[in-house]
Amino acid sequence: MFKKFSRLFMIKTPLEAYLIIYALALGAVERGSIYLTQYPGFGGKLLFLACTGAVFMAGGKILDCLKHEKRLQEHPETVF
């Protein structure tokens, strides 16, 4: 039962990954806009870029992990 429940939180397809990345980006832009109002000037812009940059790094990692898992399913004997 726990295994079935845990599968709900696994990213299995690229579509799911893109939806999660989109949700992360929405949250990052919202947080960044709050930073722009709280810290006007260069500091706010830097924090905004940090929020959006984190989404790019996380999104790339999610997509790379999907590709890696697909390779492991096709060739289980090969370790990359």
Protein backbone atom coordinates (compact mmCIF):
# COMPACT_ATOMS: atom_id res chain seq x y z
CA MET A 1 0.00 0.00 0.00
CA PHE A 2 2.83 2.40 0.86
CA LYS A 3 4.53 1.63 -2.46
CA LYS A 4 1.38 2.57 -4.38
CA PHE A 5 1.11 5.80 -2.40
CA SER A 6 4.76 6.69 -2.99
CA ARG A 7 4.39 6.22 -6.76
CA LEU A 8 2.03 9.22 -6.78
CA PHE A 9 5.01 11.45 -5.99
CA MET A 10 7.33 10.10 -8.68
CA ILE A 11 7.95 11.99 -11.90
CA LYS A 12 7.59 9.45 -14.70
CA THR A 13 7.06 11.41 -17.93
CA PRO A 14 8.49 14.58 -19.43
CA LEU A 15 5.02 16.16 -19.35
CA GLU A 16 4.90 15.74 -15.56
CA ALA A 17 8.39 17.21 -15.34
CA TYR A 18 7.43 20.25 -17.39
CA LEU A 19 4.33 20.82 -15.28
CA ILE A 20 6.40 20.71 -12.11
CA ILE A 21 9.00 23.05 -13.59
CA TYR A 22 6.21 25.43 -14.60
CA ALA A 23 4.83 25.41 -11.06
CA LEU A 24 8.31 26.05 -9.66
CA ALA A 25 8.75 28.95 -12.08
CA LEU A 26 5.44 30.52 -11.06
CA GLY A 27 6.43 30.37 -7.42
CA ALA A 28 9.90 31.73 -8.12
CA VAL A 29 8.57 34.70 -10.09
CA GLU A 30 6.06 35.44 -7.35
CA ARG A 31 8.78 35.31 -4.70
CA GLY A 32 11.06 37.40 -6.92
CA SER A 33 8.43 40.08 -7.38
CA ILE A 34 8.09 40.27 -3.60
CA TYR A 35 11.85 40.71 -3.36
CA LEU A 36 11.68 43.54 -5.90
CA THR A 37 9.18 45.43 -3.76
CA GLN A 38 10.94 44.72 -0.45
CA TYR A 39 14.43 45.48 -1.74
CA PRO A 40 14.25 48.12 -4.48
CA GLY A 41 17.29 48.58 -6.64
CA PHE A 42 20.14 46.26 -7.47
CA GLY A 43 19.67 43.96 -4.44
CA GLY A 44 16.08 43.13 -5.35
CA LYS A 45 17.03 42.42 -8.95
CA LEU A 46 19.83 40.14 -7.78
CA LEU A 47 17.47 38.19 -5.52
CA PHE A 48 14.92 37.94 -8.36
CA LEU A 49 17.61 36.47 -10.62
CA ALA A 50 18.61 34.03 -7.89
CA CYS A 51 15.01 32.80 -7.60
CA THR A 52 14.61 32.26 -11.33
CA GLY A 53 18.11 30.81 -11.70
CA ALA A 54 17.30 28.15 -9.13
CA VAL A 55 14.36 27.05 -11.28
CA PHE A 56 16.64 26.64 -14.30
CA MET A 57 19.05 24.49 -12.29
CA ALA A 58 16.29 22.37 -10.75
CA GLY A 59 14.51 21.96 -14.09
CA GLY A 60 17.68 20.83 -15.79
CA LYS A 61 18.36 18.33 -13.04
CA ILE A 62 14.81 16.93 -13.21
CA LEU A 63 15.02 16.47 -16.99
CA ASP A 64 18.50 14.92 -16.77
CA CYS A 65 17.29 12.45 -14.15
CA LEU A 66 14.40 11.40 -16.39
CA LYS A 67 16.81 10.72 -19.25
CA HIS A 68 19.12 8.80 -16.92
CA GLU A 69 16.28 6.63 -15.59
CA LYS A 70 15.16 5.88 -19.15
CA ARG A 71 18.71 4.80 -20.06
CA LEU A 72 18.87 2.54 -17.02
CA GLN A 73 15.60 0.86 -17.97
CA GLU A 74 16.85 0.22 -21.52
CA HIS A 75 20.32 -0.99 -20.47
CA PRO A 76 20.23 -2.13 -16.83
CA GLU A 77 23.69 -3.73 -16.98
CA THR A 78 25.42 -0.47 -17.96
CA VAL A 79 26.28 2.05 -15.26
CA PHE A 80 26.81 5.60 -16.47
